[in-house]
PDB file of all heavy atoms in Angstrom:
ATOM      1  N   ASP A   1     122.724 -71.049  35.583  1.00  0.00           N
ATOM      2  CA  ASP A   1     122.344 -70.482  36.861  1.00  0.00           C
ATOM      3  C   ASP A   1     121.070 -69.648  36.796  1.00  0.00           C
ATOM      4  O   ASP A   1     120.935 -68.652  37.490  1.00  0.00           O
ATOM      5  CB  ASP A   1     123.496 -69.599  37.399  1.00  0.00           C
ATOM      6  CG  ASP A   1     124.781 -70.364  37.555  1.00  0.00           C
ATOM      7  OD1 ASP A   1     124.754 -71.420  38.215  1.00  0.00           O
ATOM      8  OD2 ASP A   1     125.821 -69.915  37.011  1.00  0.00           O
ATOM      9  N   THR A   2     120.135 -70.095  35.981  1.00  0.00           N
ATOM     10  CA  THR A   2     118.931 -69.293  35.765  1.00  0.00           C
ATOM     11  C   THR A   2     118.174 -68.980  37.071  1.00  0.00           C
ATOM     12  O   THR A   2     117.644 -67.886  37.232  1.00  0.00           O
ATOM     13  CB  THR A   2     117.965 -70.030  34.843  1.00  0.00           C
ATOM     14  OG1 THR A   2     118.673 -70.387  33.629  1.00  0.00           O
ATOM     15  CG2 THR A   2     116.767 -69.173  34.469  1.00  0.00           C
ATOM     16  N   PHE A   3     118.142 -69.934  38.005  1.00  0.00           N
ATOM     17  CA  PHE A   3     117.379 -69.754  39.241  1.00  0.00           C
ATOM     18  C   PHE A   3     118.248 -69.797  40.504  1.00  0.00           C
ATOM     19  O   PHE A   3     117.721 -69.877  41.612  1.00  0.00           O
ATOM     20  CB  PHE A   3     116.291 -70.830  39.369  1.00  0.00           C
ATOM     21  CG  PHE A   3     115.278 -70.821  38.255  1.00  0.00           C
ATOM     22  CD1 PHE A   3     115.284 -71.786  37.277  1.00  0.00           C
ATOM     23  CD2 PHE A   3     114.328 -69.813  38.212  1.00  0.00           C
ATOM     24  CE1 PHE A   3     114.339 -71.797  36.245  1.00  0.00           C
ATOM     25  CE2 PHE A   3     113.397 -69.772  37.164  1.00  0.00           C
ATOM     26  CZ  PHE A   3     113.401 -70.759  36.200  1.00  0.00           C
ATOM     27  N   TYR A   4     119.545 -69.721  40.338  1.00  0.00           N
ATOM     28  CA  TYR A   4     120.421 -69.854  41.490  1.00  0.00           C
ATOM     29  C   TYR A   4     120.091 -68.839  42.592  1.00  0.00           C
ATOM     30  O   TYR A   4     120.059 -67.642  42.356  1.00  0.00           O
ATOM     31  CB  TYR A   4     121.885 -69.695  41.064  1.00  0.00           C
ATOM     32  CG  TYR A   4     122.876 -69.964  42.179  1.00  0.00           C
ATOM     33  CD1 TYR A   4     123.348 -71.251  42.387  1.00  0.00           C
ATOM     34  CD2 TYR A   4     123.304 -68.967  43.019  1.00  0.00           C
ATOM     35  CE1 TYR A   4     124.254 -71.540  43.392  1.00  0.00           C
ATOM     36  CE2 TYR A   4     124.198 -69.230  44.061  1.00  0.00           C
ATOM     37  CZ  TYR A   4     124.662 -70.522  44.225  1.00  0.00           C
ATOM     38  OH  TYR A   4     125.542 -70.770  45.256  1.00  0.00           O
ATOM     39  N   GLY A   5     119.848 -69.356  43.795  1.00  0.00           N
ATOM     40  CA  GLY A   5     119.559 -68.452  44.929  1.00  0.00           C
ATOM     41  C   GLY A   5     118.172 -67.875  44.928  1.00  0.00           C
ATOM     42  O   GLY A   5     117.843 -67.054  45.770  1.00  0.00           O
ATOM     43  N   SER A   6     117.322 -68.293  43.992  1.00  0.00           N
ATOM     44  CA  SER A   6     115.975 -67.761  43.917  1.00  0.00           C
ATOM     45  C   SER A   6     115.101 -68.359  45.017  1.00  0.00           C
ATOM     46  O   SER A   6     115.320 -69.501  45.461  1.00  0.00           O
ATOM     47  CB  SER A   6     115.341 -68.083  42.542  1.00  0.00           C
ATOM     48  OG  SER A   6     113.963 -67.758  42.522  1.00  0.00           O
ATOM     49  N   ALA A   7     114.093 -67.614  45.454  1.00  0.00           N
ATOM     50  CA  ALA A   7     113.129 -68.102  46.419  1.00  0.00           C
ATOM     51  C   ALA A   7     111.882 -68.716  45.777  1.00  0.00           C
ATOM     52  O   ALA A   7     110.898 -68.988  46.468  1.00  0.00           O
ATOM     53  CB  ALA A   7     112.703 -66.962  47.358  1.00  0.00           C
ATOM     54  N   VAL A   8     111.940 -68.925  44.475  1.00  0.00           N
ATOM     55  CA  VAL A   8     110.789 -69.460  43.752  1.00  0.00           C
ATOM     56  C   VAL A   8     110.406 -70.842  44.280  1.00  0.00           C
ATOM     57  O   VAL A   8     111.265 -71.663  44.600  1.00  0.00           O
ATOM     58  CB  VAL A   8     111.052 -69.510  42.220  1.00  0.00           C
ATOM     59  CG1 VAL A   8     112.121 -70.532  41.879  1.00  0.00           C
ATOM     60  CG2 VAL A   8     109.762 -69.742  41.460  1.00  0.00           C
ATOM     61  N   GLU A   9     109.091 -71.084  44.391  1.00  0.00           N
ATOM     62  CA  GLU A   9     108.606 -72.351  44.915  1.00  0.00           C
ATOM     63  C   GLU A   9     107.937 -73.210  43.853  1.00  0.00           C
ATOM     64  O   GLU A   9     108.007 -74.443  43.930  1.00  0.00           O
ATOM     65  CB  GLU A   9     107.557 -72.057  46.039  1.00  0.00           C
ATOM     66  CG  GLU A   9     108.180 -71.339  47.243  1.00  0.00           C
ATOM     67  CD  GLU A   9     107.117 -70.934  48.245  1.00  0.00           C
ATOM     68  OE1 GLU A   9     105.900 -71.117  47.971  1.00  0.00           O
ATOM     69  OE2 GLU A   9     107.485 -70.410  49.308  1.00  0.00           O
ATOM     70  N   THR A  10     107.308 -72.563  42.874  1.00  0.00           N
ATOM     71  CA  THR A  10     106.590 -73.314  41.820  1.00  0.00           C
ATOM     72  C   THR A  10     106.938 -72.769  40.462  1.00  0.00           C
ATOM     73  O   THR A  10     106.886 -71.529  40.262  1.00  0.00           O
ATOM     74  CB  THR A  10     105.059 -73.190  42.034  1.00  0.00           C
ATOM     75  OG1 THR A  10     104.702 -73.713  43.323  1.00  0.00           O
ATOM     76  CG2 THR A  10     104.318 -73.991  40.941  1.00  0.00           C
ATOM     77  N   ILE A  11     107.287 -73.645  39.507  1.00  0.00           N
ATOM     78  CA  ILE A  11     107.603 -73.227  38.162  1.00  0.00           C
ATOM     79  C   ILE A  11     106.774 -74.070  37.201  1.00  0.00           C
ATOM     80  O   ILE A  11     106.748 -75.293  37.275  1.00  0.00           O
ATOM     81  CB  ILE A  11     109.095 -73.394  37.828  1.00  0.00           C
ATOM     82  CG1 ILE A  11     109.964 -72.644  38.839  1.00  0.00           C
ATOM     83  CG2 ILE A  11     109.392 -72.858  36.399  1.00  0.00           C
ATOM     84  CD1 ILE A  11     111.463 -72.914  38.661  1.00  0.00           C
ATOM     85  N   HIS A  12     106.096 -73.396  36.272  1.00  0.00           N
ATOM     86  CA  HIS A  12     105.312 -74.058  35.237  1.00  0.00           C
ATOM     87  C   HIS A  12     106.104 -74.057  33.924  1.00  0.00           C
ATOM     88  O   HIS A  12     106.430 -72.993  33.395  1.00  0.00           O
ATOM     89  CB  HIS A  12     103.966 -73.324  35.020  1.00  0.00           C
ATOM     90  CG  HIS A  12     103.118 -73.230  36.245  1.00  0.00           C
ATOM     91  ND1 HIS A  12     101.983 -73.995  36.416  1.00  0.00           N
ATOM     92  CD2 HIS A  12     103.220 -72.459  37.349  1.00  0.00           C
ATOM     93  CE1 HIS A  12     101.436 -73.684  37.566  1.00  0.00           C
ATOM     94  NE2 HIS A  12     102.165 -72.758  38.148  1.00  0.00           N
ATOM     95  N   PHE A  13     106.388 -75.240  33.404  1.00  0.00           N
ATOM     96  CA  PHE A  13     107.129 -75.361  32.150  1.00  0.00           C
ATOM     97  C   PHE A  13     106.205 -75.821  31.024  1.00  0.00           C
ATOM     98  O   PHE A  13     105.333 -76.680  31.241  1.00  0.00           O
ATOM     99  CB  PHE A  13     108.260 -76.389  32.278  1.00  0.00           C
ATOM    100  CG  PHE A  13     109.465 -75.877  32.989  1.00  0.00           C
ATOM    101  CD1 PHE A  13     109.660 -76.173  34.334  1.00  0.00           C
ATOM    102  CD2 PHE A  13     110.428 -75.097  32.345  1.00  0.00           C
ATOM    103  CE1 PHE A  13     110.766 -75.718  35.018  1.00  0.00           C
ATOM    104  CE2 PHE A  13     111.553 -74.640  33.012  1.00  0.00           C
ATOM    105  CZ  PHE A  13     111.715 -74.954  34.353  1.00  0.00           C
ATOM    106  N   PRO A  14     106.412 -75.297  29.828  1.00  0.00           N
ATOM    107  CA  PRO A  14     105.629 -75.761  28.666  1.00  0.00           C
ATOM    108  C   PRO A  14     106.324 -76.946  27.972  1.00  0.00           C
ATOM    109  O   PRO A  14     107.489 -77.259  28.291  1.00  0.00           O
ATOM    110  CB  PRO A  14     105.625 -74.549  27.749  1.00  0.00           C
ATOM    111  CG  PRO A  14     106.978 -73.937  27.996  1.00  0.00           C
ATOM    112  CD  PRO A  14     107.273 -74.154  29.459  1.00  0.00           C
ATOM    113  N   LYS A  15     105.657 -77.535  27.008  1.00  0.00           N
ATOM    114  CA  LYS A  15     106.251 -78.613  26.228  1.00  0.00           C
ATOM    115  C   LYS A  15     107.219 -78.091  25.161  1.00  0.00           C
ATOM    116  O   LYS A  15     108.032 -78.836  24.624  1.00  0.00           O
ATOM    117  CB  LYS A  15     105.121 -79.439  25.573  1.00  0.00           C
ATOM    118  CG  LYS A  15     105.597 -80.704  24.889  1.00  0.00           C
ATOM    119  CD  LYS A  15     104.423 -81.495  24.322  1.00  0.00           C
ATOM    120  CE  LYS A  15     104.894 -82.787  23.687  1.00  0.00           C
ATOM    121  NZ  LYS A  15     103.768 -83.602  23.155  1.00  0.00           N
ATOM    122  N   SER A  16     107.107 -76.824  24.851  1.00  0.00           N
ATOM    123  CA  SER A  16     107.801 -76.225  23.707  1.00  0.00           C
ATOM    124  C   SER A  16     109.330 -76.146  23.855  1.00  0.00           C
ATOM    125  O   SER A  16     110.033 -76.024  22.856  1.00  0.00           O
ATOM    126  CB  SER A  16     107.252 -74.812  23.457  1.00  0.00           C
ATOM    127  OG  SER A  16     107.416 -74.011  24.618  1.00  0.00           O
ATOM    128  N   ILE A  17     109.859 -76.250  25.062  1.00  0.00           N
ATOM    129  CA  ILE A  17     111.289 -76.045  25.283  1.00  0.00           C
ATOM    130  C   ILE A  17     112.079 -77.188  24.647  1.00  0.00           C
ATOM    131  O   ILE A  17     111.853 -78.370  24.930  1.00  0.00           O
ATOM    132  CB  ILE A  17     111.589 -75.931  26.777  1.00  0.00           C
ATOM    133  CG1 ILE A  17     110.948 -74.686  27.354  1.00  0.00           C
ATOM    134  CG2 ILE A  17     113.121 -75.905  27.006  1.00  0.00           C
ATOM    135  CD1 ILE A  17     111.076 -74.550  28.843  1.00  0.00           C
ATOM    136  N   ILE A  18     113.032 -76.826  23.770  1.00  0.00           N
ATOM    137  CA  ILE A  18     113.874 -77.852  23.100  1.00  0.00           C
ATOM    138  C   ILE A  18     115.325 -77.768  23.504  1.00  0.00           C
ATOM    139  O   ILE A  18     116.105 -78.663  23.218  1.00  0.00           O
ATOM    140  CB  ILE A  18     113.748 -77.701  21.560  1.00  0.00           C
ATOM    141  CG1 ILE A  18     114.187 -76.320  21.128  1.00  0.00           C
ATOM    142  CG2 ILE A  18     112.329 -78.022  21.101  1.00  0.00           C
ATOM    143  CD1 ILE A  18     114.195 -76.154  19.601  1.00  0.00           C
ATOM    144  N   SER A  19     115.701 -76.695  24.191  1.00  0.00           N
ATOM    145  CA  SER A  19     117.077 -76.559  24.680  1.00  0.00           C
ATOM    146  C   SER A  19     117.010 -76.203  26.183  1.00  0.00           C
ATOM    147  O   SER A  19     116.539 -75.145  26.562  1.00  0.00           O
ATOM    148  CB  SER A  19     117.812 -75.437  23.922  1.00  0.00           C
ATOM    149  OG  SER A  19     119.139 -75.311  24.348  1.00  0.00           O
ATOM    150  N   PHE A  20     117.480 -77.154  27.009  1.00  0.00           N
ATOM    151  CA  PHE A  20     117.255 -77.075  28.436  1.00  0.00           C
ATOM    152  C   PHE A  20     118.473 -77.545  29.211  1.00  0.00           C
ATOM    153  O   PHE A  20     119.149 -78.486  28.778  1.00  0.00           O
ATOM    154  CB  PHE A  20     116.026 -77.939  28.810  1.00  0.00           C
ATOM    155  CG  PHE A  20     115.707 -77.973  30.274  1.00  0.00           C
ATOM    156  CD1 PHE A  20     115.051 -76.901  30.889  1.00  0.00           C
ATOM    157  CD2 PHE A  20     116.039 -79.077  31.037  1.00  0.00           C
ATOM    158  CE1 PHE A  20     114.763 -76.944  32.233  1.00  0.00           C
ATOM    159  CE2 PHE A  20     115.737 -79.121  32.396  1.00  0.00           C
ATOM    160  CZ  PHE A  20     115.080 -78.055  32.981  1.00  0.00           C
ATOM    161  N   ASN A  21     118.758 -76.906  30.357  1.00  0.00           N
ATOM    162  CA  ASN A  21     119.918 -77.259  31.173  1.00  0.00           C
ATOM    163  C   ASN A  21     119.473 -77.504  32.615  1.00  0.00           C
ATOM    164  O   ASN A  21     118.966 -76.594  33.272  1.00  0.00           O
ATOM    165  CB  ASN A  21     120.923 -76.118  31.115  1.00  0.00           C
ATOM    166  CG  ASN A  21     122.263 -76.469  31.772  1.00  0.00           C
ATOM    167  OD1 ASN A  21     122.343 -77.409  32.542  1.00  0.00           O
ATOM    168  ND2 ASN A  21     123.287 -75.690  31.469  1.00  0.00           N
ATOM    169  N   VAL A  22     119.661 -78.712  33.071  1.00  0.00           N
ATOM    170  CA  VAL A  22     119.253 -79.102  34.444  1.00  0.00           C
ATOM    171  C   VAL A  22     119.998 -78.288  35.489  1.00  0.00           C
ATOM    172  O   VAL A  22     119.499 -78.043  36.601  1.00  0.00           O
ATOM    173  CB  VAL A  22     119.486 -80.598  34.665  1.00  0.00           C
ATOM    174  CG1 VAL A  22     119.190 -80.986  36.110  1.00  0.00           C
ATOM    175  CG2 VAL A  22     118.586 -81.410  33.711  1.00  0.00           C
ATOM    176  N   ASN A  23     121.205 -77.822  35.159  1.00  0.00           N
ATOM    177  CA  ASN A  23     122.016 -77.054  36.130  1.00  0.00           C
ATOM    178  C   ASN A  23     121.343 -75.783  36.600  1.00  0.00           C
ATOM    179  O   ASN A  23     121.750 -75.206  37.608  1.00  0.00           O
ATOM    180  CB  ASN A  23     123.372 -76.712  35.535  1.00  0.00           C
ATOM    181  CG  ASN A  23     124.237 -77.945  35.306  1.00  0.00           C
ATOM    182  OD1 ASN A  23     124.014 -78.970  35.931  1.00  0.00           O
ATOM    183  ND2 ASN A  23     125.192 -77.838  34.400  1.00  0.00           N
ATOM    184  N   MET A  24     120.304 -75.334  35.925  1.00  0.00           N
ATOM    185  CA  MET A  24     119.603 -74.122  36.331  1.00  0.00           C
ATOM    186  C   MET A  24     118.948 -74.288  37.692  1.00  0.00           C
ATOM    187  O   MET A  24     118.605 -73.300  38.340  1.00  0.00           O
ATOM    188  CB  MET A  24     118.558 -73.716  35.300  1.00  0.00           C
ATOM    189  CG  MET A  24     117.365 -74.621  35.221  1.00  0.00           C
ATOM    190  SD  MET A  24     116.098 -74.001  34.074  1.00  0.00           S
ATOM    191  CE  MET A  24     116.966 -74.081  32.523  1.00  0.00           C
ATOM    192  N   PHE A  25     118.808 -75.554  38.154  1.00  0.00           N
ATOM    193  CA  PHE A  25     118.180 -75.800  39.444  1.00  0.00           C
ATOM    194  C   PHE A  25     119.175 -75.971  40.579  1.00  0.00           C
ATOM    195  O   PHE A  25     118.802 -76.351  41.693  1.00  0.00           O
ATOM    196  CB  PHE A  25     117.285 -77.046  39.356  1.00  0.00           C
ATOM    197  CG  PHE A  25     116.080 -76.858  38.481  1.00  0.00           C
ATOM    198  CD1 PHE A  25     115.981 -77.556  37.278  1.00  0.00           C
ATOM    199  CD2 PHE A  25     115.076 -75.959  38.821  1.00  0.00           C
ATOM    200  CE1 PHE A  25     114.870 -77.391  36.484  1.00  0.00           C
ATOM    201  CE2 PHE A  25     113.973 -75.799  37.999  1.00  0.00           C
ATOM    202  CZ  PHE A  25     113.849 -76.516  36.833  1.00  0.00           C
ATOM    203  N   ASP A  26     120.419 -75.698  40.292  1.00  0.00           N
ATOM    204  CA  ASP A  26     121.438 -75.808  41.335  1.00  0.00           C
ATOM    205  C   ASP A  26     121.215 -74.705  42.373  1.00  0.00           C
ATOM    206  O   ASP A  26     121.250 -73.534  42.063  1.00  0.00           O
ATOM    207  CB  ASP A  26     122.836 -75.674  40.738  1.00  0.00           C
ATOM    208  CG  ASP A  26     123.912 -75.904  41.754  1.00  0.00           C
ATOM    209  OD1 ASP A  26     123.672 -76.639  42.736  1.00  0.00           O
ATOM    210  OD2 ASP A  26     125.023 -75.359  41.560  1.00  0.00           O
ATOM    211  N   TYR A  27     120.968 -75.080  43.587  1.00  0.00           N
ATOM    212  CA  TYR A  27     120.687 -74.224  44.709  1.00  0.00           C
ATOM    213  C   TYR A  27     119.449 -73.334  44.493  1.00  0.00           C
ATOM    214  O   TYR A  27     119.556 -72.116  44.262  1.00  0.00           O
ATOM    215  CB  TYR A  27     121.890 -73.345  45.084  1.00  0.00           C
ATOM    216  CG  TYR A  27     121.650 -72.590  46.385  1.00  0.00           C
ATOM    217  CD1 TYR A  27     121.402 -73.285  47.564  1.00  0.00           C
ATOM    218  CD2 TYR A  27     121.639 -71.201  46.433  1.00  0.00           C
ATOM    219  CE1 TYR A  27     121.178 -72.634  48.758  1.00  0.00           C
ATOM    220  CE2 TYR A  27     121.395 -70.522  47.626  1.00  0.00           C
ATOM    221  CZ  TYR A  27     121.169 -71.255  48.770  1.00  0.00           C
ATOM    222  OH  TYR A  27     120.926 -70.589  49.950  1.00  0.00           O
ATOM    223  N   VAL A  28     118.317 -73.992  44.530  1.00  0.00           N
ATOM    224  CA  VAL A  28     117.005 -73.301  44.552  1.00  0.00           C
ATOM    225  C   VAL A  28     116.305 -73.870  45.784  1.00  0.00           C
ATOM    226  O   VAL A  28     115.435 -74.735  45.678  1.00  0.00           O
ATOM    227  CB  VAL A  28     116.187 -73.555  43.270  1.00  0.00           C
ATOM    228  CG1 VAL A  28     114.968 -72.626  43.212  1.00  0.00           C
ATOM    229  CG2 VAL A  28     117.055 -73.370  42.029  1.00  0.00           C
ATOM    230  N   PRO A  29     116.659 -73.427  46.984  1.00  0.00           N
ATOM    231  CA  PRO A  29     116.329 -74.116  48.216  1.00  0.00           C
ATOM    232  C   PRO A  29     114.830 -74.205  48.549  1.00  0.00           C
ATOM    233  O   PRO A  29     114.431 -75.122  49.258  1.00  0.00           O
ATOM    234  CB  PRO A  29     117.075 -73.310  49.280  1.00  0.00           C
ATOM    235  CG  PRO A  29     117.314 -71.968  48.659  1.00  0.00           C
ATOM    236  CD  PRO A  29     117.499 -72.220  47.204  1.00  0.00           C
ATOM    237  N   GLN A  30     114.034 -73.293  48.020  1.00  0.00           N
ATOM    238  CA  GLN A  30     112.609 -73.295  48.362  1.00  0.00           C
ATOM    239  C   GLN A  30     111.716 -73.950  47.286  1.00  0.00           C
ATOM    240  O   GLN A  30     110.501 -73.960  47.401  1.00  0.00           O
ATOM    241  CB  GLN A  30     112.122 -71.882  48.646  1.00  0.00           C
ATOM    242  CG  GLN A  30     112.776 -71.282  49.899  1.00  0.00           C
ATOM    243  CD  GLN A  30     112.318 -69.859  50.168  1.00  0.00           C
ATOM    244  OE1 GLN A  30     113.116 -68.992  50.529  1.00  0.00           O
ATOM    245  NE2 GLN A  30     111.037 -69.587  50.016  1.00  0.00           N
ATOM    246  N   LEU A  31     112.345 -74.488  46.269  1.00  0.00           N
ATOM    247  CA  LEU A  31     111.594 -75.089  45.169  1.00  0.00           C
ATOM    248  C   LEU A  31     110.779 -76.289  45.659  1.00  0.00           C
ATOM    249  O   LEU A  31     111.327 -77.216  46.263  1.00  0.00           O
ATOM    250  CB  LEU A  31     112.527 -75.519  44.062  1.00  0.00           C
ATOM    251  CG  LEU A  31     111.870 -76.078  42.780  1.00  0.00           C
ATOM    252  CD1 LEU A  31     111.013 -74.990  42.123  1.00  0.00           C
ATOM    253  CD2 LEU A  31     112.927 -76.583  41.807  1.00  0.00           C
ATOM    254  N   GLU A  32     109.457 -76.277  45.399  1.00  0.00           N
ATOM    255  CA  GLU A  32     108.577 -77.338  45.816  1.00  0.00           C
ATOM    256  C   GLU A  32     107.904 -78.071  44.656  1.00  0.00           C
ATOM    257  O   GLU A  32     107.690 -79.283  44.738  1.00  0.00           O
ATOM    258  CB  GLU A  32     107.471 -76.765  46.741  1.00  0.00           C
ATOM    259  CG  GLU A  32     107.998 -76.192  48.041  1.00  0.00           C
ATOM    260  CD  GLU A  32     106.893 -75.575  48.889  1.00  0.00           C
ATOM    261  OE1 GLU A  32     105.737 -75.540  48.395  1.00  0.00           O
ATOM    262  OE2 GLU A  32     107.184 -75.124  50.002  1.00  0.00           O
ATOM    263  N   LYS A  33     107.561 -77.347  43.589  1.00  0.00           N
ATOM    264  CA  LYS A  33     106.837 -77.941  42.482  1.00  0.00           C
ATOM    265  C   LYS A  33     107.400 -77.515  41.127  1.00  0.00           C
ATOM    266  O   LYS A  33     107.626 -76.322  40.899  1.00  0.00           O
ATOM    267  CB  LYS A  33     105.349 -77.533  42.543  1.00  0.00           C
ATOM    268  CG  LYS A  33     104.562 -78.109  43.693  1.00  0.00           C
ATOM    269  CD  LYS A  33     103.084 -77.705  43.575  1.00  0.00           C
ATOM    270  CE  LYS A  33     102.262 -78.305  44.698  1.00  0.00           C
ATOM    271  NZ  LYS A  33     100.837 -77.886  44.585  1.00  0.00           N
ATOM    272  N   ILE A  34     107.589 -78.503  40.270  1.00  0.00           N
ATOM    273  CA  ILE A  34     107.890 -78.235  38.856  1.00  0.00           C
ATOM    274  C   ILE A  34     106.734 -78.871  38.070  1.00  0.00           C
ATOM    275  O   ILE A  34     106.570 -80.082  38.031  1.00  0.00           O
ATOM    276  CB  ILE A  34     109.208 -78.877  38.451  1.00  0.00           C
ATOM    277  CG1 ILE A  34     110.372 -78.322  39.299  1.00  0.00           C
ATOM    278  CG2 ILE A  34     109.487 -78.641  36.980  1.00  0.00           C
ATOM    279  CD1 ILE A  34     111.684 -79.026  39.082  1.00  0.00           C
ATOM    280  N   ILE A  35     105.899 -78.000  37.511  1.00  0.00           N
ATOM    281  CA  ILE A  35     104.693 -78.465  36.820  1.00  0.00           C
ATOM    282  C   ILE A  35     104.957 -78.446  35.332  1.00  0.00           C
ATOM    283  O   ILE A  35     105.338 -77.403  34.771  1.00  0.00           O
ATOM    284  CB  ILE A  35     103.501 -77.544  37.183  1.00  0.00           C
ATOM    285  CG1 ILE A  35     103.290 -77.551  38.712  1.00  0.00           C
ATOM    286  CG2 ILE A  35     102.247 -77.967  36.426  1.00  0.00           C
ATOM    287  CD1 ILE A  35     102.250 -76.553  39.186  1.00  0.00           C
ATOM    288  N   LEU A  36     104.782 -79.605  34.680  1.00  0.00           N
ATOM    289  CA  LEU A  36     105.193 -79.730  33.276  1.00  0.00           C
ATOM    290  C   LEU A  36     104.536 -80.926  32.606  1.00  0.00           C
ATOM    291  O   LEU A  36     104.002 -81.811  33.273  1.00  0.00           O
ATOM    292  CB  LEU A  36     106.713 -79.882  33.189  1.00  0.00           C
ATOM    293  CG  LEU A  36     107.354 -81.211  33.658  1.00  0.00           C
ATOM    294  CD1 LEU A  36     108.810 -81.216  33.288  1.00  0.00           C
ATOM    295  CD2 LEU A  36     107.180 -81.464  35.149  1.00  0.00           C
ATOM    296  N   PRO A  37     104.559 -80.987  31.270  1.00  0.00           N
ATOM    297  CA  PRO A  37     104.029 -82.152  30.567  1.00  0.00           C
ATOM    298  C   PRO A  37     104.949 -83.349  30.773  1.00  0.00           C
ATOM    299  O   PRO A  37     106.170 -83.209  30.760  1.00  0.00           O
ATOM    300  CB  PRO A  37     104.012 -81.724  29.100  1.00  0.00           C
ATOM    301  CG  PRO A  37     104.187 -80.245  29.112  1.00  0.00           C
ATOM    302  CD  PRO A  37     104.954 -79.928  30.345  1.00  0.00           C
TER     303      PRO A  37
END
């Protein structure tokens, strides 16, 4: 639930992440852009 209920619209991710959970995006209603490699 990293971003649950957040108003964040744009998130920049690096290539370095090796442990990641897609569920962190559950209910992020204003999310528009995920910028990543």
